[in-house]
Amino acid sequence: MSRWRGVVGRKRWGVAVAAMSALWSAAVTGVAQAAPADTLYLRLDEARGASVAVDSSGRLHHGSIGAHVVMGGGRGLFDYHAPDAGVSYGSAHLVMVPDTSDASLDPGSSNFSLEVRYRTTHRFGNIVQKGQNTASGGQVKIENPNGIPTCLFKSPTGQAGVSAGMALNDGNWHTLRCVRTPTNVSMYVDGVRRGSTSKPTSPIDNASPWTIGGKPTCNGTTITCDYFAGSIDYVRLQKG
């Protein structure tokens, strides 16, 4: 099998697993349940030199690919910048998806999941986020402190965060899935739930872009950029 076919097959398998999960839930409960809807699906399988990350959800939430991000082989490669370098590269190090007026890219009050497949050997960096610490309307992010990923859903009235509880900066591919309901946040690592917290969060809706690879606003000193270094295979958001 060629590398390309392997990449396509892997991503199709992820879609199939999600569909089978919904069918299994319906069979167990005896109630027909609609599968969560994709609101953003960046496969990051663009060719080298591409400047646009195509949204496969059908909602046309395409992203811009920064000049530092090397595409090819079915993933985006984010280069290394020392966390204490004190340099901001702006959007050059990021894949950025602008916010939308219909709030489809925000958790709101719905059930919401954020999934990313990545690999790294580094111990820091924000992998993906929407909003920063002081953003009006809240914040969502997955970060990588000490190689141990955590996910955070911060609303105007409270926040809920959960850790994978294990270092994943081993250079292997891992899939993280953060699932938020109005009363709970859980993290799954490679399909296994590794952490959960029962804390309420109110609606989350900010005007910030989704950024992959670090913060959109930083100066490298008083506001660290938290650039991620490694490879990202895809990023997927679902609501409902």
C-alpha atoms as a PDB file:
ATOM      1  CA  MET A   1       0.000   0.000   0.000  1.00  0.00           C
ATOM      2  CA  SER A   2       1.295   3.442  -0.864  1.00  0.00           C
ATOM      3  CA  ARG A   3       1.809   6.073   1.834  1.00  0.00           C
ATOM      4  CA  TRP A   4      -0.988   8.161   0.321  1.00  0.00           C
ATOM      5  CA  ARG A   5      -3.477   5.311   0.414  1.00  0.00           C
ATOM      6  CA  GLY A   6      -2.462   4.604   3.985  1.00  0.00           C
ATOM      7  CA  VAL A   7      -3.193   8.210   4.979  1.00  0.00           C
ATOM      8  CA  VAL A   8      -6.583   8.228   3.246  1.00  0.00           C
ATOM      9  CA  GLY A   9      -7.505   4.844   4.712  1.00  0.00           C
ATOM     10  CA  ARG A  10      -6.593   5.959   8.222  1.00  0.00           C
ATOM     11  CA  LYS A  11      -8.748   9.063   8.031  1.00  0.00           C
ATOM     12  CA  ARG A  12     -11.684   7.177   6.538  1.00  0.00           C
ATOM     13  CA  TRP A  13     -11.347   4.653   9.337  1.00  0.00           C
ATOM     14  CA  GLY A  14     -11.771   7.472  11.871  1.00  0.00           C
ATOM     15  CA  VAL A  15     -15.039   8.497  10.198  1.00  0.00           C
ATOM     16  CA  ALA A  16     -16.238   4.879  10.181  1.00  0.00           C
ATOM     17  CA  VAL A  17     -15.490   4.438  13.887  1.00  0.00           C
ATOM     18  CA  ALA A  18     -17.541   7.541  14.755  1.00  0.00           C
ATOM     19  CA  ALA A  19     -20.481   6.254  12.706  1.00  0.00           C
ATOM     20  CA  MET A  20     -20.315   2.775  14.277  1.00  0.00           C
ATOM     21  CA  SER A  21     -20.238   4.341  17.739  1.00  0.00           C
ATOM     22  CA  ALA A  22     -23.471   6.218  17.061  1.00  0.00           C
ATOM     23  CA  LEU A  23     -25.160   3.064  15.726  1.00  0.00           C
ATOM     24  CA  TRP A  24     -24.028   1.056  18.752  1.00  0.00           C
ATOM     25  CA  SER A  25     -25.416   3.680  21.122  1.00  0.00           C
ATOM     26  CA  ALA A  26     -28.750   3.595  19.324  1.00  0.00           C
ATOM     27  CA  ALA A  27     -28.839  -0.205  19.490  1.00  0.00           C
ATOM     28  CA  VAL A  28     -28.133  -0.266  23.226  1.00  0.00           C
ATOM     29  CA  THR A  29     -30.689   2.394  24.167  1.00  0.00           C
ATOM     30  CA  GLY A  30     -33.293   1.416  21.619  1.00  0.00           C
ATOM     31  CA  VAL A  31     -33.537   5.044  20.585  1.00  0.00           C
ATOM     32  CA  ALA A  32     -32.356   6.424  17.271  1.00  0.00           C
ATOM     33  CA  GLN A  33     -29.621   8.958  17.928  1.00  0.00           C
ATOM     34  CA  ALA A  34     -28.144  11.362  15.434  1.00  0.00           C
ATOM     35  CA  ALA A  35     -24.370  11.310  15.143  1.00  0.00           C
ATOM     36  CA  PRO A  36     -22.576  14.525  16.143  1.00  0.00           C
ATOM     37  CA  ALA A  37     -22.165  16.861  13.186  1.00  0.00           C
ATOM     38  CA  ASP A  38     -18.780  17.985  11.900  1.00  0.00           C
ATOM     39  CA  THR A  39     -18.423  21.749  12.050  1.00  0.00           C
ATOM     40  CA  LEU A  40     -14.737  21.775  11.073  1.00  0.00           C
ATOM     41  CA  TYR A  41     -12.572  19.002   9.651  1.00  0.00           C
ATOM     42  CA  LEU A  42      -9.094  19.962   8.542  1.00  0.00           C
ATOM     43  CA  ARG A  43      -7.426  16.850   7.136  1.00  0.00           C
ATOM     44  CA  LEU A  44      -4.185  18.789   6.543  1.00  0.00           C
ATOM     45  CA  ASP A  45      -3.426  16.636   3.517  1.00  0.00           C
ATOM     46  CA  GLU A  46      -2.623  19.552   1.218  1.00  0.00           C
ATOM     47  CA  ALA A  47       0.436  19.459  -1.023  1.00  0.00           C
ATOM     48  CA  ARG A  48       3.696  21.111  -0.107  1.00  0.00           C
ATOM     49  CA  GLY A  49       3.493  24.856  -0.667  1.00  0.00           C
ATOM     50  CA  ALA A  50      -0.272  25.075  -0.167  1.00  0.00           C
ATOM     51  CA  SER A  51      -1.573  28.200   1.544  1.00  0.00           C
ATOM     52  CA  VAL A  52      -5.147  27.058   2.256  1.00  0.00           C
ATOM     53  CA  ALA A  53      -6.220  24.250   4.605  1.00  0.00           C
ATOM     54  CA  VAL A  54      -9.465  22.905   3.176  1.00  0.00           C
ATOM     55  CA  ASP A  55     -12.396  22.233   5.506  1.00  0.00           C
ATOM     56  CA  SER A  56     -13.879  18.806   4.691  1.00  0.00           C
ATOM     57  CA  SER A  57     -16.968  19.314   6.885  1.00  0.00           C
ATOM     58  CA  GLY A  58     -18.847  20.940   4.020  1.00  0.00           C
ATOM     59  CA  ARG A  59     -19.176  24.230   5.899  1.00  0.00           C
ATOM     60  CA  LEU A  60     -16.336  25.921   4.032  1.00  0.00           C
ATOM     61  CA  HIS A  61     -14.437  26.964   7.164  1.00  0.00           C
ATOM     62  CA  HIS A  62     -11.127  26.951   5.334  1.00  0.00           C
ATOM     63  CA  GLY A  63      -7.936  27.975   7.116  1.00  0.00           C
ATOM     64  CA  SER A  64      -4.771  29.818   6.139  1.00  0.00           C
ATOM     65  CA  ILE A  65      -1.460  27.949   6.316  1.00  0.00           C
ATOM     66  CA  GLY A  66       1.492  29.935   7.650  1.00  0.00           C
ATOM     67  CA  ALA A  67       4.782  30.098   5.799  1.00  0.00           C
ATOM     68  CA  HIS A  68       6.626  28.086   8.470  1.00  0.00           C
ATOM     69  CA  VAL A  69       4.211  25.144   8.248  1.00  0.00           C
ATOM     70  CA  VAL A  70       5.457  22.446   5.875  1.00  0.00           C
ATOM     71  CA  MET A  71       2.671  20.446   4.246  1.00  0.00           C
ATOM     72  CA  GLY A  72       2.990  17.051   2.581  1.00  0.00           C
ATOM     73  CA  GLY A  73       2.587  13.369   3.324  1.00  0.00           C
ATOM     74  CA  GLY A  74      -0.883  13.906   4.755  1.00  0.00           C
ATOM     75  CA  ARG A  75       0.168  16.147   7.654  1.00  0.00           C
ATOM     76  CA  GLY A  76       1.409  19.574   8.618  1.00  0.00           C
ATOM     77  CA  LEU A  77       4.883  19.890  10.127  1.00  0.00           C
ATOM     78  CA  PHE A  78       5.411  22.714  12.633  1.00  0.00           C
ATOM     79  CA  ASP A  79       9.004  23.779  13.147  1.00  0.00           C
ATOM     80  CA  TYR A  80      10.719  24.202  16.515  1.00  0.00           C
ATOM     81  CA  HIS A  81      11.064  27.553  18.281  1.00  0.00           C
ATOM     82  CA  ALA A  82      12.543  27.558  21.780  1.00  0.00           C
ATOM     83  CA  PRO A  83       9.921  28.667  24.317  1.00  0.00           C
ATOM     84  CA  ASP A  84      12.300  31.233  25.800  1.00  0.00           C
ATOM     85  CA  ALA A  85      13.412  32.671  22.431  1.00  0.00           C
ATOM     86  CA  GLY A  86      11.230  35.737  22.920  1.00  0.00           C
ATOM     87  CA  VAL A  87      10.255  35.985  19.253  1.00  0.00           C
ATOM     88  CA  SER A  88       6.759  36.256  17.808  1.00  0.00           C
ATOM     89  CA  TYR A  89       6.237  34.927  14.278  1.00  0.00           C
ATOM     90  CA  GLY A  90       2.593  35.921  14.066  1.00  0.00           C
ATOM     91  CA  SER A  91       0.525  33.794  11.727  1.00  0.00           C
ATOM     92  CA  ALA A  92       3.612  32.353   9.981  1.00  0.00           C
ATOM     93  CA  HIS A  93       3.812  29.437  12.443  1.00  0.00           C
ATOM     94  CA  LEU A  94       0.073  28.749  12.518  1.00  0.00           C
ATOM     95  CA  VAL A  95      -2.865  27.327  10.646  1.00  0.00           C
ATOM     96  CA  MET A  96      -5.694  29.802  11.312  1.00  0.00           C
ATOM     97  CA  VAL A  97      -9.450  29.439  10.780  1.00  0.00           C
ATOM     98  CA  PRO A  98     -11.405  32.702  11.171  1.00  0.00           C
ATOM     99  CA  ASP A  99     -14.392  32.896  13.478  1.00  0.00           C
ATOM    100  CA  THR A 100     -17.847  32.862  11.895  1.00  0.00           C
ATOM    101  CA  SER A 101     -20.957  34.905  12.619  1.00  0.00           C
ATOM    102  CA  ASP A 102     -23.180  31.804  12.911  1.00  0.00           C
ATOM    103  CA  ALA A 103     -21.279  30.519  16.003  1.00  0.00           C
ATOM    104  CA  SER A 104     -20.840  27.103  14.393  1.00  0.00           C
ATOM    105  CA  LEU A 105     -17.178  27.030  15.441  1.00  0.00           C
ATOM    106  CA  ASP A 106     -17.903  27.717  19.124  1.00  0.00           C
ATOM    107  CA  PRO A 107     -19.073  25.214  21.741  1.00  0.00           C
ATOM    108  CA  GLY A 108     -21.940  27.462  22.801  1.00  0.00           C
ATOM    109  CA  SER A 109     -24.168  25.495  25.178  1.00  0.00           C
ATOM    110  CA  SER A 110     -24.019  22.289  23.109  1.00  0.00           C
ATOM    111  CA  ASN A 111     -22.125  19.069  23.545  1.00  0.00           C
ATOM    112  CA  PHE A 112     -18.855  19.672  21.759  1.00  0.00           C
ATOM    113  CA  SER A 113     -15.753  17.664  20.892  1.00  0.00           C
ATOM    114  CA  LEU A 114     -12.290  18.635  19.714  1.00  0.00           C
ATOM    115  CA  GLU A 115     -10.129  15.911  18.197  1.00  0.00           C
ATOM    116  CA  VAL A 116      -6.545  16.079  16.953  1.00  0.00           C
ATOM    117  CA  ARG A 117      -4.045  13.481  15.793  1.00  0.00           C
ATOM    118  CA  TYR A 118      -0.447  14.529  16.342  1.00  0.00           C
ATOM    119  CA  ARG A 119       3.069  13.481  17.199  1.00  0.00           C
ATOM    120  CA  THR A 120       5.915  15.317  18.908  1.00  0.00           C
ATOM    121  CA  THR A 121       9.086  14.811  20.900  1.00  0.00           C
ATOM    122  CA  HIS A 122       8.821  18.184  22.636  1.00  0.00           C
ATOM    123  CA  ARG A 123       7.488  19.112  26.064  1.00  0.00           C
ATOM    124  CA  PHE A 124       5.580  22.305  25.451  1.00  0.00           C
ATOM    125  CA  GLY A 125       3.305  24.182  23.095  1.00  0.00           C
ATOM    126  CA  ASN A 126      -0.367  24.859  22.476  1.00  0.00           C
ATOM    127  CA  ILE A 127      -1.541  22.312  19.932  1.00  0.00           C
ATOM    128  CA  VAL A 128      -4.882  23.901  19.047  1.00  0.00           C
ATOM    129  CA  GLN A 129      -7.000  26.649  20.586  1.00  0.00           C
ATOM    130  CA  LYS A 130      -9.765  29.215  20.166  1.00  0.00           C
ATOM    131  CA  GLY A 131      -9.329  32.270  22.328  1.00  0.00           C
ATOM    132  CA  GLN A 132      -6.661  33.180  24.852  1.00  0.00           C
ATOM    133  CA  ASN A 133      -6.755  33.594  28.604  1.00  0.00           C
ATOM    134  CA  THR A 134      -8.608  36.904  28.674  1.00  0.00           C
ATOM    135  CA  ALA A 135     -10.852  36.343  25.651  1.00  0.00           C
ATOM    136  CA  SER A 136     -14.372  37.638  26.073  1.00  0.00           C
ATOM    137  CA  GLY A 137     -16.743  34.703  25.737  1.00  0.00           C
ATOM    138  CA  GLY A 138     -14.329  32.031  26.956  1.00  0.00           C
ATOM    139  CA  GLN A 139     -11.570  29.817  25.613  1.00  0.00           C
ATOM    140  CA  VAL A 140     -10.910  26.291  24.342  1.00  0.00           C
ATOM    141  CA  LYS A 141      -7.466  24.745  24.010  1.00  0.00           C
ATOM    142  CA  ILE A 142      -5.313  21.638  24.037  1.00  0.00           C
ATOM    143  CA  GLU A 143      -1.799  22.281  25.308  1.00  0.00           C
ATOM    144  CA  ASN A 144       1.252  20.119  25.911  1.00  0.00           C
ATOM    145  CA  PRO A 145       2.973  21.008  29.231  1.00  0.00           C
ATOM    146  CA  ASN A 146       5.844  18.619  30.004  1.00  0.00           C
ATOM    147  CA  GLY A 147       4.642  16.455  27.120  1.00  0.00           C
ATOM    148  CA  ILE A 148       1.402  15.659  28.987  1.00  0.00           C
ATOM    149  CA  PRO A 149      -1.555  17.025  27.012  1.00  0.00           C
ATOM    150  CA  THR A 150      -4.420  18.776  28.763  1.00  0.00           C
ATOM    151  CA  CYS A 151      -7.654  20.225  27.446  1.00  0.00           C
ATOM    152  CA  LEU A 152      -9.423  23.260  28.840  1.00  0.00           C
ATOM    153  CA  PHE A 153     -12.906  24.637  28.310  1.00  0.00           C
ATOM    154  CA  LYS A 154     -13.183  28.048  29.948  1.00  0.00           C
ATOM    155  CA  SER A 155     -16.519  29.866  30.025  1.00  0.00           C
ATOM    156  CA  PRO A 156     -17.379  33.300  31.461  1.00  0.00           C
ATOM    157  CA  THR A 157     -18.681  31.648  34.666  1.00  0.00           C
ATOM    158  CA  GLY A 158     -16.330  28.707  35.187  1.00  0.00           C
ATOM    159  CA  GLN A 159     -13.824  26.364  33.633  1.00  0.00           C
ATOM    160  CA  ALA A 160     -13.174  22.643  33.375  1.00  0.00           C
ATOM    161  CA  GLY A 161      -9.841  21.119  32.459  1.00  0.00           C
ATOM    162  CA  VAL A 162      -8.582  17.567  32.282  1.00  0.00           C
ATOM    163  CA  SER A 163      -5.205  15.941  31.678  1.00  0.00           C
ATOM    164  CA  ALA A 164      -4.224  12.815  29.787  1.00  0.00           C
ATOM    165  CA  GLY A 165      -2.226  11.867  32.873  1.00  0.00           C
ATOM    166  CA  MET A 166       0.614  10.510  30.775  1.00  0.00           C
ATOM    167  CA  ALA A 167       3.403  11.883  28.622  1.00  0.00           C
ATOM    168  CA  LEU A 168       2.798  11.465  24.893  1.00  0.00           C
ATOM    169  CA  ASN A 169       5.885  13.216  23.506  1.00  0.00           C
ATOM    170  CA  ASP A 170       7.360   9.884  22.428  1.00  0.00           C
ATOM    171  CA  GLY A 171       7.451  10.628  18.702  1.00  0.00           C
ATOM    172  CA  ASN A 172       4.531   8.296  17.981  1.00  0.00           C
ATOM    173  CA  TRP A 173       1.147   9.255  16.559  1.00  0.00           C
ATOM    174  CA  HIS A 174      -1.586   9.813  19.155  1.00  0.00           C
ATOM    175  CA  THR A 175      -5.226  10.825  18.862  1.00  0.00           C
ATOM    176  CA  LEU A 176      -6.648  13.165  21.500  1.00  0.00           C
ATOM    177  CA  ARG A 177     -10.367  13.759  21.809  1.00  0.00           C
ATOM    178  CA  CYS A 178     -11.724  16.295  24.295  1.00  0.00           C
ATOM    179  CA  VAL A 179     -15.465  16.045  24.893  1.00  0.00           C
ATOM    180  CA  ARG A 180     -17.348  18.805  26.669  1.00  0.00           C
ATOM    181  CA  THR A 181     -20.940  18.779  27.916  1.00  0.00           C
ATOM    182  CA  PRO A 182     -22.432  21.593  30.019  1.00  0.00           C
ATOM    183  CA  THR A 183     -21.487  19.629  33.165  1.00  0.00           C
ATOM    184  CA  ASN A 184     -18.445  17.528  32.226  1.00  0.00           C
ATOM    185  CA  VAL A 185     -15.165  17.442  30.298  1.00  0.00           C
ATOM    186  CA  SER A 186     -13.439  14.183  29.348  1.00  0.00           C
ATOM    187  CA  MET A 187     -10.241  13.379  27.462  1.00  0.00           C
ATOM    188  CA  TYR A 188      -9.691  10.274  25.370  1.00  0.00           C
ATOM    189  CA  VAL A 189      -6.230   9.136  24.273  1.00  0.00           C
ATOM    190  CA  ASP A 190      -6.130   6.728  21.327  1.00  0.00           C
ATOM    191  CA  GLY A 191      -9.764   5.815  21.999  1.00  0.00           C
ATOM    192  CA  VAL A 192      -9.406   5.249  25.763  1.00  0.00           C
ATOM    193  CA  ARG A 193     -10.808   7.671  28.319  1.00  0.00           C
ATOM    194  CA  ARG A 194      -7.908   8.876  30.453  1.00  0.00           C
ATOM    195  CA  GLY A 195      -9.473  11.697  32.426  1.00  0.00           C
ATOM    196  CA  SER A 196     -12.800  13.257  33.299  1.00  0.00           C
ATOM    197  CA  THR A 197     -14.057  16.074  35.502  1.00  0.00           C
ATOM    198  CA  SER A 198     -17.612  16.994  36.428  1.00  0.00           C
ATOM    199  CA  LYS A 199     -17.616  20.773  36.429  1.00  0.00           C
ATOM    200  CA  PRO A 200     -20.238  23.046  34.867  1.00  0.00           C
ATOM    201  CA  THR A 201     -19.386  25.532  32.128  1.00  0.00           C
ATOM    202  CA  SER A 202     -21.734  28.113  30.700  1.00  0.00           C
ATOM    203  CA  PRO A 203     -21.938  28.859  26.941  1.00  0.00           C
ATOM    204  CA  ILE A 204     -18.569  29.457  25.279  1.00  0.00           C
ATOM    205  CA  ASP A 205     -18.573  31.774  22.271  1.00  0.00           C
ATOM    206  CA  ASN A 206     -15.694  34.107  21.414  1.00  0.00           C
ATOM    207  CA  ALA A 207     -14.654  36.071  18.337  1.00  0.00           C
ATOM    208  CA  SER A 208     -11.175  34.533  18.130  1.00  0.00           C
ATOM    209  CA  PRO A 209      -9.935  32.310  15.297  1.00  0.00           C
ATOM    210  CA  TRP A 210      -9.116  28.658  15.737  1.00  0.00           C
ATOM    211  CA  THR A 211      -5.344  28.391  15.639  1.00  0.00           C
ATOM    212  CA  ILE A 212      -3.245  25.271  15.224  1.00  0.00           C
ATOM    213  CA  GLY A 213       0.339  25.478  16.441  1.00  0.00           C
ATOM    214  CA  GLY A 214       0.268  28.282  19.045  1.00  0.00           C
ATOM    215  CA  LYS A 215      -1.262  31.575  20.099  1.00  0.00           C
ATOM    216  CA  PRO A 216      -2.460  34.087  17.497  1.00  0.00           C
ATOM    217  CA  THR A 217      -1.564  37.056  19.716  1.00  0.00           C
ATOM    218  CA  CYS A 218       1.774  37.106  21.539  1.00  0.00           C
ATOM    219  CA  ASN A 219       4.938  39.136  21.832  1.00  0.00           C
ATOM    220  CA  GLY A 220       7.316  36.412  22.972  1.00  0.00           C
ATOM    221  CA  THR A 221       7.946  38.078  26.343  1.00  0.00           C
ATOM    222  CA  THR A 222       5.019  39.188  28.494  1.00  0.00           C
ATOM    223  CA  ILE A 223       2.685  37.007  26.399  1.00  0.00           C
ATOM    224  CA  THR A 224       4.462  33.791  25.465  1.00  0.00           C
ATOM    225  CA  CYS A 225       3.701  32.344  22.040  1.00  0.00           C
ATOM    226  CA  ASP A 226       3.658  28.686  23.147  1.00  0.00           C
ATOM    227  CA  TYR A 227       4.522  27.403  19.685  1.00  0.00           C
ATOM    228  CA  PHE A 228       3.907  23.707  19.126  1.00  0.00           C
ATOM    229  CA  ALA A 229       6.641  21.723  17.389  1.00  0.00           C
ATOM    230  CA  GLY A 230       5.816  18.446  15.672  1.00  0.00           C
ATOM    231  CA  SER A 231       3.360  17.006  13.157  1.00  0.00           C
ATOM    232  CA  ILE A 232      -0.431  17.260  13.063  1.00  0.00           C
ATOM    233  CA  ASP A 233      -2.458  14.864  10.937  1.00  0.00           C
ATOM    234  CA  TYR A 234      -5.924  16.404  11.324  1.00  0.00           C
ATOM    235  CA  VAL A 235      -8.134  18.595  13.503  1.00  0.00           C
ATOM    236  CA  ARG A 236     -11.844  17.892  13.837  1.00  0.00           C
ATOM    237  CA  LEU A 237     -14.675  19.685  15.657  1.00  0.00           C
ATOM    238  CA  GLN A 238     -18.116  18.208  16.253  1.00  0.00           C
ATOM    239  CA  LYS A 239     -21.281  19.551  17.881  1.00  0.00           C
ATOM    240  CA  GLY A 240     -24.435  17.853  19.091  1.00  0.00           C
END
